[in-house]
C-alpha atoms as a PDB file:
ATOM      1  CA  MET A   1      78.845 101.348  41.064  1.00  0.00           C
ATOM      2  CA  THR A   2      75.121 100.613  40.951  1.00  0.00           C
ATOM      3  CA  THR A   3      74.233  97.051  41.929  1.00  0.00           C
ATOM      4  CA  HIS A   4      71.687  95.330  39.699  1.00  0.00           C
ATOM      5  CA  ASN A   5      69.710  92.181  40.428  1.00  0.00           C
ATOM      6  CA  ASP A   6      71.926  89.897  38.357  1.00  0.00           C
ATOM      7  CA  ASP A   7      75.025  91.117  40.211  1.00  0.00           C
ATOM      8  CA  VAL A   8      73.794  89.470  43.417  1.00  0.00           C
ATOM      9  CA  ASP A   9      74.157  85.840  44.568  1.00  0.00           C
ATOM     10  CA  TRP A  10      70.575  85.301  45.738  1.00  0.00           C
ATOM     11  CA  ASP A  11      71.352  81.684  46.622  1.00  0.00           C
ATOM     12  CA  GLY A  12      73.403  83.153  49.472  1.00  0.00           C
ATOM     13  CA  TRP A  13      70.531  85.113  51.039  1.00  0.00           C
ATOM     14  CA  PRO A  14      70.970  84.813  54.847  1.00  0.00           C
ATOM     15  CA  VAL A  15      67.651  83.157  55.644  1.00  0.00           C
ATOM     16  CA  SER A  16      68.284  82.512  59.348  1.00  0.00           C
ATOM     17  CA  ASP A  17      69.553  86.037  60.043  1.00  0.00           C
ATOM     18  CA  TYR A  18      66.682  87.593  58.091  1.00  0.00           C
ATOM     19  CA  LEU A  19      64.068  85.603  59.976  1.00  0.00           C
ATOM     20  CA  ALA A  20      65.724  86.323  63.324  1.00  0.00           C
ATOM     21  CA  GLU A  21      65.793  90.059  62.652  1.00  0.00           C
ATOM     22  CA  ASN A  22      62.303  90.382  61.188  1.00  0.00           C
ATOM     23  CA  TYR A  23      59.898  87.468  61.725  1.00  0.00           C
ATOM     24  CA  ARG A  24      60.599  85.582  64.943  1.00  0.00           C
ATOM     25  CA  ALA A  25      58.116  87.974  66.570  1.00  0.00           C
ATOM     26  CA  LEU A  26      55.034  89.762  65.226  1.00  0.00           C
ATOM     27  CA  HIS A  27      56.116  93.404  64.936  1.00  0.00           C
ATOM     28  CA  PRO A  28      53.677  96.350  64.775  1.00  0.00           C
ATOM     29  CA  SER A  29      54.545  97.051  61.134  1.00  0.00           C
ATOM     30  CA  ASP A  30      53.687  93.473  60.154  1.00  0.00           C
ATOM     31  CA  ALA A  31      50.397  93.784  62.048  1.00  0.00           C
ATOM     32  CA  ALA A  32      49.655  96.984  60.116  1.00  0.00           C
ATOM     33  CA  VAL A  33      50.411  95.308  56.768  1.00  0.00           C
ATOM     34  CA  ILE A  34      48.240  92.331  57.703  1.00  0.00           C
ATOM     35  CA  ALA A  35      45.370  94.648  58.697  1.00  0.00           C
ATOM     36  CA  HIS A  36      45.665  96.569  55.415  1.00  0.00           C
ATOM     37  CA  HIS A  37      45.815  93.423  53.302  1.00  0.00           C
ATOM     38  CA  SER A  38      43.038  91.670  55.232  1.00  0.00           C
ATOM     39  CA  ALA A  39      40.665  94.523  54.389  1.00  0.00           C
ATOM     40  CA  PHE A  40      41.563  93.990  50.725  1.00  0.00           C
ATOM     41  CA  TYR A  41      41.105  90.211  50.861  1.00  0.00           C
ATOM     42  CA  ARG A  42      37.757  90.484  52.648  1.00  0.00           C
ATOM     43  CA  ARG A  43      36.378  92.191  49.529  1.00  0.00           C
ATOM     44  CA  LEU A  44      37.064  89.062  47.460  1.00  0.00           C
ATOM     45  CA  ALA A  45      35.029  85.851  47.375  1.00  0.00           C
ATOM     46  CA  PRO A  46      36.372  83.075  49.619  1.00  0.00           C
ATOM     47  CA  ARG A  47      38.448  80.692  47.507  1.00  0.00           C
ATOM     48  CA  GLY A  48      37.245  82.589  44.457  1.00  0.00           C
ATOM     49  CA  ILE A  49      40.742  82.909  42.951  1.00  0.00           C
ATOM     50  CA  GLY A  50      41.832  79.801  41.094  1.00  0.00           C
ATOM     51  CA  ARG A  51      45.540  80.666  40.983  1.00  0.00           C
ATOM     52  CA  SER A  52      47.477  83.438  42.695  1.00  0.00           C
ATOM     53  CA  VAL A  53      51.198  84.135  43.001  1.00  0.00           C
ATOM     54  CA  GLU A  54      53.533  85.412  45.682  1.00  0.00           C
ATOM     55  CA  PHE A  55      56.008  87.290  43.488  1.00  0.00           C
ATOM     56  CA  GLY A  56      59.462  86.694  44.985  1.00  0.00           C
ATOM     57  CA  ALA A  57      58.247  84.852  48.055  1.00  0.00           C
ATOM     58  CA  GLY A  58      61.408  84.807  50.157  1.00  0.00           C
ATOM     59  CA  PRO A  59      60.967  83.046  53.522  1.00  0.00           C
ATOM     60  CA  ASN A  60      58.028  85.222  54.636  1.00  0.00           C
ATOM     61  CA  LEU A  61      54.934  83.088  55.276  1.00  0.00           C
ATOM     62  CA  TYR A  62      52.309  85.662  56.223  1.00  0.00           C
ATOM     63  CA  PRO A  63      51.535  86.774  52.639  1.00  0.00           C
ATOM     64  CA  LEU A  64      50.852  83.112  51.820  1.00  0.00           C
ATOM     65  CA  ILE A  65      48.583  82.810  54.848  1.00  0.00           C
ATOM     66  CA  LEU A  66      46.645  85.916  53.788  1.00  0.00           C
ATOM     67  CA  ALA A  67      46.209  84.672  50.217  1.00  0.00           C
ATOM     68  CA  SER A  68      44.840  81.340  51.424  1.00  0.00           C
ATOM     69  CA  ALA A  69      41.535  83.050  52.280  1.00  0.00           C
ATOM     70  CA  VAL A  70      40.756  83.617  48.596  1.00  0.00           C
ATOM     71  CA  SER A  71      43.011  81.264  46.608  1.00  0.00           C
ATOM     72  CA  ARG A  72      42.603  77.628  45.684  1.00  0.00           C
ATOM     73  CA  ARG A  73      46.280  77.546  44.676  1.00  0.00           C
ATOM     74  CA  VAL A  74      49.119  79.914  45.627  1.00  0.00           C
ATOM     75  CA  ASP A  75      52.412  79.734  43.697  1.00  0.00           C
ATOM     76  CA  ALA A  76      55.296  80.899  45.904  1.00  0.00           C
ATOM     77  CA  VAL A  77      57.762  81.894  43.181  1.00  0.00           C
ATOM     78  CA  GLU A  78      61.323  82.340  44.417  1.00  0.00           C
ATOM     79  CA  ALA A  79      64.770  82.152  42.806  1.00  0.00           C
ATOM     80  CA  GLY A  80      67.082  81.828  45.816  1.00  0.00           C
ATOM     81  CA  ALA A  81      68.038  78.284  46.839  1.00  0.00           C
ATOM     82  CA  GLY A  82      68.015  78.984  50.586  1.00  0.00           C
ATOM     83  CA  ASN A  83      64.590  80.595  50.498  1.00  0.00           C
ATOM     84  CA  VAL A  84      63.169  77.768  48.386  1.00  0.00           C
ATOM     85  CA  ALA A  85      64.544  75.168  50.804  1.00  0.00           C
ATOM     86  CA  TYR A  86      63.039  77.018  53.773  1.00  0.00           C
ATOM     87  CA  LEU A  87      59.613  77.276  52.145  1.00  0.00           C
ATOM     88  CA  GLU A  88      59.623  73.611  51.204  1.00  0.00           C
ATOM     89  CA  ARG A  89      60.517  72.605  54.769  1.00  0.00           C
ATOM     90  CA  GLN A  90      57.721  74.741  56.176  1.00  0.00           C
ATOM     91  CA  ILE A  91      55.153  73.054  53.958  1.00  0.00           C
ATOM     92  CA  LEU A  92      56.443  69.476  54.002  1.00  0.00           C
ATOM     93  CA  ALA A  93      57.771  69.188  57.570  1.00  0.00           C
ATOM     94  CA  GLY A  94      55.478  71.694  59.257  1.00  0.00           C
ATOM     95  CA  PRO A  95      55.801  75.429  59.896  1.00  0.00           C
ATOM     96  CA  ASP A  96      57.881  77.039  62.638  1.00  0.00           C
ATOM     97  CA  ALA A  97      55.890  77.910  65.758  1.00  0.00           C
ATOM     98  CA  SER A  98      56.962  81.548  65.372  1.00  0.00           C
ATOM     99  CA  TRP A  99      54.433  81.872  62.527  1.00  0.00           C
ATOM    100  CA  LEU A 100      51.478  80.968  64.761  1.00  0.00           C
ATOM    101  CA  PRO A 101      50.862  84.558  65.973  1.00  0.00           C
ATOM    102  CA  PHE A 102      50.869  85.718  62.346  1.00  0.00           C
ATOM    103  CA  HIS A 103      48.295  83.082  61.423  1.00  0.00           C
ATOM    104  CA  SER A 104      46.171  83.958  64.460  1.00  0.00           C
ATOM    105  CA  LEU A 105      46.062  87.648  63.491  1.00  0.00           C
ATOM    106  CA  CYS A 106      45.349  86.868  59.816  1.00  0.00           C
ATOM    107  CA  ARG A 107      42.438  84.629  60.815  1.00  0.00           C
ATOM    108  CA  ARG A 108      41.100  87.092  63.369  1.00  0.00           C
ATOM    109  CA  LEU A 109      41.002  89.827  60.725  1.00  0.00           C
ATOM    110  CA  ASN A 110      39.674  87.505  58.016  1.00  0.00           C
ATOM    111  CA  PRO A 111      37.860  84.371  59.257  1.00  0.00           C
ATOM    112  CA  GLU A 112      38.082  82.889  55.741  1.00  0.00           C
ATOM    113  CA  VAL A 113      41.757  82.083  56.442  1.00  0.00           C
ATOM    114  CA  PRO A 114      41.869  78.313  57.178  1.00  0.00           C
ATOM    115  CA  PRO A 115      41.673  77.527  60.903  1.00  0.00           C
ATOM    116  CA  THR A 116      45.143  75.961  61.154  1.00  0.00           C
ATOM    117  CA  LEU A 117      48.498  77.254  60.002  1.00  0.00           C
ATOM    118  CA  ALA A 118      49.183  74.021  58.125  1.00  0.00           C
ATOM    119  CA  GLY A 119      45.800  74.354  56.444  1.00  0.00           C
ATOM    120  CA  ALA A 120      46.599  77.903  55.374  1.00  0.00           C
ATOM    121  CA  LEU A 121      49.796  76.666  53.719  1.00  0.00           C
ATOM    122  CA  ALA A 122      48.139  73.661  52.065  1.00  0.00           C
ATOM    123  CA  PRO A 123      47.315  75.547  48.796  1.00  0.00           C
ATOM    124  CA  VAL A 124      50.951  76.688  48.395  1.00  0.00           C
ATOM    125  CA  GLU A 125      53.153  75.328  45.615  1.00  0.00           C
ATOM    126  CA  VAL A 126      56.815  76.369  45.835  1.00  0.00           C
ATOM    127  CA  VAL A 127      58.144  77.254  42.390  1.00  0.00           C
ATOM    128  CA  ARG A 128      61.851  77.955  41.896  1.00  0.00           C
ATOM    129  CA  ALA A 129      61.959  80.502  39.082  1.00  0.00           C
ATOM    130  CA  ASP A 130      62.961  84.032  38.139  1.00  0.00           C
ATOM    131  CA  VAL A 131      59.854  86.176  38.616  1.00  0.00           C
ATOM    132  CA  ARG A 132      60.808  88.231  35.573  1.00  0.00           C
ATOM    133  CA  GLU A 133      60.092  85.167  33.417  1.00  0.00           C
ATOM    134  CA  LEU A 134      56.521  84.545  34.592  1.00  0.00           C
ATOM    135  CA  GLU A 135      54.073  84.186  31.729  1.00  0.00           C
ATOM    136  CA  PRO A 136      51.983  87.339  31.239  1.00  0.00           C
ATOM    137  CA  GLY A 137      48.370  87.024  32.322  1.00  0.00           C
ATOM    138  CA  SER A 138      48.843  83.651  33.996  1.00  0.00           C
ATOM    139  CA  TYR A 139      47.391  84.605  37.396  1.00  0.00           C
ATOM    140  CA  GLU A 140      44.223  86.156  38.751  1.00  0.00           C
ATOM    141  CA  LEU A 141      45.953  87.783  41.723  1.00  0.00           C
ATOM    142  CA  ALA A 142      49.559  88.682  42.546  1.00  0.00           C
ATOM    143  CA  SER A 143      51.053  89.648  45.879  1.00  0.00           C
ATOM    144  CA  MET A 144      54.552  91.108  46.390  1.00  0.00           C
ATOM    145  CA  HIS A 145      56.346  92.006  49.608  1.00  0.00           C
ATOM    146  CA  PHE A 146      59.631  93.917  49.797  1.00  0.00           C
ATOM    147  CA  VAL A 147      60.922  92.526  46.489  1.00  0.00           C
ATOM    148  CA  ALA A 148      61.240  95.089  43.691  1.00  0.00           C
ATOM    149  CA  GLU A 149      62.922  97.740  45.879  1.00  0.00           C
ATOM    150  CA  GLY A 150      65.167  95.117  47.505  1.00  0.00           C
ATOM    151  CA  ALA A 151      66.355  93.460  44.303  1.00  0.00           C
ATOM    152  CA  THR A 152      68.327  96.321  42.766  1.00  0.00           C
ATOM    153  CA  GLU A 153      69.759  99.776  43.334  1.00  0.00           C
ATOM    154  CA  ASP A 154      68.557 100.957  39.923  1.00  0.00           C
ATOM    155  CA  LEU A 155      65.206 102.766  39.641  1.00  0.00           C
ATOM    156  CA  GLY A 156      64.720 101.603  36.060  1.00  0.00           C
ATOM    157  CA  GLU A 157      65.152  97.988  37.089  1.00  0.00           C
ATOM    158  CA  PHE A 158      62.774  98.536  40.026  1.00  0.00           C
ATOM    159  CA  THR A 159      60.220  99.763  37.480  1.00  0.00           C
ATOM    160  CA  ASP A 160      60.815  96.684  35.313  1.00  0.00           C
ATOM    161  CA  PHE A 161      60.180  94.394  38.286  1.00  0.00           C
ATOM    162  CA  CYS A 162      56.925  96.220  39.031  1.00  0.00           C
ATOM    163  CA  ARG A 163      55.842  95.897  35.405  1.00  0.00           C
ATOM    164  CA  ALA A 164      56.568  92.172  35.451  1.00  0.00           C
ATOM    165  CA  PHE A 165      54.549  91.910  38.671  1.00  0.00           C
ATOM    166  CA  ALA A 166      51.536  93.634  37.147  1.00  0.00           C
ATOM    167  CA  ARG A 167      51.937  91.870  33.793  1.00  0.00           C
ATOM    168  CA  CYS A 168      51.760  88.355  35.274  1.00  0.00           C
ATOM    169  CA  VAL A 169      48.101  89.002  36.226  1.00  0.00           C
ATOM    170  CA  ALA A 170      45.327  88.931  33.642  1.00  0.00           C
ATOM    171  CA  PRO A 171      43.513  92.238  32.999  1.00  0.00           C
ATOM    172  CA  GLY A 172      40.911  92.857  35.681  1.00  0.00           C
ATOM    173  CA  GLY A 173      42.880  90.813  38.222  1.00  0.00           C
ATOM    174  CA  HIS A 174      44.137  91.980  41.578  1.00  0.00           C
ATOM    175  CA  LEU A 175      47.422  93.295  42.968  1.00  0.00           C
ATOM    176  CA  VAL A 176      48.426  93.742  46.598  1.00  0.00           C
ATOM    177  CA  ALA A 177      51.919  94.777  47.658  1.00  0.00           C
ATOM    178  CA  ALA A 178      54.164  96.265  50.305  1.00  0.00           C
ATOM    179  CA  PHE A 179      57.425  98.142  49.739  1.00  0.00           C
ATOM    180  CA  MET A 180      60.049  99.425  52.150  1.00  0.00           C
ATOM    181  CA  GLU A 181      59.975 103.213  51.959  1.00  0.00           C
ATOM    182  CA  ASN A 182      63.265 104.968  51.121  1.00  0.00           C
ATOM    183  CA  MET A 183      65.218 101.751  51.645  1.00  0.00           C
ATOM    184  CA  PRO A 184      68.949 102.188  51.012  1.00  0.00           C
ATOM    185  CA  THR A 185      71.483  99.447  50.445  1.00  0.00           C
ATOM    186  CA  TYR A 186      71.482  97.586  53.768  1.00  0.00           C
ATOM    187  CA  ARG A 187      72.991  94.784  55.828  1.00  0.00           C
ATOM    188  CA  ILE A 188      71.468  91.629  57.311  1.00  0.00           C
ATOM    189  CA  GLY A 189      73.325  89.801  60.044  1.00  0.00           C
ATOM    190  CA  PRO A 190      76.936  90.671  60.837  1.00  0.00           C
ATOM    191  CA  ALA A 191      78.248  91.315  57.343  1.00  0.00           C
ATOM    192  CA  SER A 192      76.066  90.603  54.302  1.00  0.00           C
ATOM    193  CA  ARG A 193      75.229  93.595  52.079  1.00  0.00           C
ATOM    194  CA  TRP A 194      72.112  93.736  49.890  1.00  0.00           C
ATOM    195  CA  PRO A 195      70.800  96.217  47.326  1.00  0.00           C
ATOM    196  CA  GLY A 196      68.085  98.755  48.031  1.00  0.00           C
ATOM    197  CA  CYS A 197      66.295 101.241  45.752  1.00  0.00           C
ATOM    198  CA  PRO A 198      64.746 104.148  47.690  1.00  0.00           C
ATOM    199  CA  VAL A 199      61.086 104.609  46.709  1.00  0.00           C
ATOM    200  CA  ASP A 200      58.099 106.377  48.258  1.00  0.00           C
ATOM    201  CA  THR A 201      54.375 106.759  47.637  1.00  0.00           C
ATOM    202  CA  ARG A 202      54.999 109.168  44.755  1.00  0.00           C
ATOM    203  CA  VAL A 203      57.356 106.797  42.933  1.00  0.00           C
ATOM    204  CA  VAL A 204      55.141 103.747  43.499  1.00  0.00           C
ATOM    205  CA  SER A 205      52.077 105.659  42.286  1.00  0.00           C
ATOM    206  CA  GLN A 206      53.877 106.873  39.168  1.00  0.00           C
ATOM    207  CA  VAL A 207      55.099 103.376  38.294  1.00  0.00           C
ATOM    208  CA  PHE A 208      51.742 101.651  38.753  1.00  0.00           C
ATOM    209  CA  ALA A 209      49.353 104.329  37.434  1.00  0.00           C
ATOM    210  CA  PRO A 210      49.821 103.317  33.755  1.00  0.00           C
ATOM    211  CA  LEU A 211      49.499  99.615  34.631  1.00  0.00           C
ATOM    212  CA  THR A 212      46.397  99.572  36.806  1.00  0.00           C
ATOM    213  CA  GLY A 213      43.022 100.939  37.749  1.00  0.00           C
ATOM    214  CA  GLU A 214      41.494 101.401  41.178  1.00  0.00           C
ATOM    215  CA  LEU A 215      45.002 102.170  42.425  1.00  0.00           C
ATOM    216  CA  ASN A 216      45.302 102.847  46.132  1.00  0.00           C
ATOM    217  CA  VAL A 217      48.692 103.702  47.643  1.00  0.00           C
ATOM    218  CA  THR A 218      49.242 104.514  51.296  1.00  0.00           C
ATOM    219  CA  ARG A 219      52.044 104.257  53.857  1.00  0.00           C
ATOM    220  CA  ILE A 220      52.911 103.461  57.463  1.00  0.00           C
ATOM    221  CA  ASP A 221      55.686 104.886  59.611  1.00  0.00           C
ATOM    222  CA  ALA A 222      58.963 103.146  60.421  1.00  0.00           C
ATOM    223  CA  ASP A 223      58.783 100.502  63.116  1.00  0.00           C
ATOM    224  CA  PRO A 224      61.212 101.144  66.004  1.00  0.00           C
ATOM    225  CA  THR A 225      60.998  97.474  67.076  1.00  0.00           C
ATOM    226  CA  LEU A 226      62.722  96.386  63.846  1.00  0.00           C
ATOM    227  CA  PRO A 227      66.430  96.780  62.987  1.00  0.00           C
ATOM    228  CA  ASP A 228      67.305 100.200  61.584  1.00  0.00           C
ATOM    229  CA  TYR A 229      67.894  99.403  57.923  1.00  0.00           C
ATOM    230  CA  GLY A 230      67.672 103.097  57.011  1.00  0.00           C
ATOM    231  CA  ASP A 231      64.093 103.005  55.706  1.00  0.00           C
ATOM    232  CA  SER A 232      61.382 105.498  56.697  1.00  0.00           C
ATOM    233  CA  GLY A 233      58.404 103.107  56.798  1.00  0.00           C
ATOM    234  CA  MET A 234      56.420 101.043  54.315  1.00  0.00           C
ATOM    235  CA  VAL A 235      54.344 101.800  51.224  1.00  0.00           C
ATOM    236  CA  LEU A 236      51.217  99.685  50.736  1.00  0.00           C
ATOM    237  CA  LEU A 237      49.367  99.155  47.449  1.00  0.00           C
ATOM    238  CA  THR A 238      46.187  97.604  46.114  1.00  0.00           C
ATOM    239  CA  ALA A 239      45.055  97.791  42.493  1.00  0.00           C
ATOM    240  CA  VAL A 240      43.243  96.123  39.619  1.00  0.00           C
ATOM    241  CA  THR A 241      45.301  95.295  36.535  1.00  0.00           C
ATOM    242  CA  ALA A 242      44.555  97.164  33.322  1.00  0.00           C
ATOM    243  CA  ASP A 243      44.691  96.008  29.703  1.00  0.00           C
ATOM    244  CA  PRO A 244      48.253  96.079  28.288  1.00  0.00           C
ATOM    245  CA  PRO A 245      49.087  99.386  26.548  1.00  0.00           C
END
């Protein structure tokens, strides 16, 4: 049977295992994503975006750090209770030291990132919500990392998530995203099983072409320093949102 987003208990996402497997060290693939995104953010005016969103934030802080270079407010929108609790702790009690190398690289590649990690997280507001219910056109910029293809096994539902992502930004706004390439259903930690929808540059381009202009889609190879989840790399996207059809 195909697993859809609403079939999954996202409150049970294994935050500690996920962080241990992926973000307790700065892996080459993360460095490549940060370099790609930093080039995008350097084209925008410092703090020129009034309100941006991290669409399905999870516990990953580096997209929030990157967005701090251009955003006066960043909404980290997340539905899962464990992820929300982790994000709130990072902002209120202070971030884990493991994020310092990520901040250092973000700032080295874009000096407009605030000089401290706490300062980079200062614009962030954690919002517990279903991203599919975000008001259309309510943001000037949206960022998404490993969400749409990791929320469902159904390609149609993946497409719906991508449409909601693009739709939450006003026409002429900005999109930046990263997807796991050809990601199957996968495990985190010793037992937990999570949905995956295999996509590649062709699929991502086809989904976003009707929704955007200035669409740029590229990829990077799989990272051998990460766990073998069955993916073949990452797909990276930047675009400008188009008027609704």
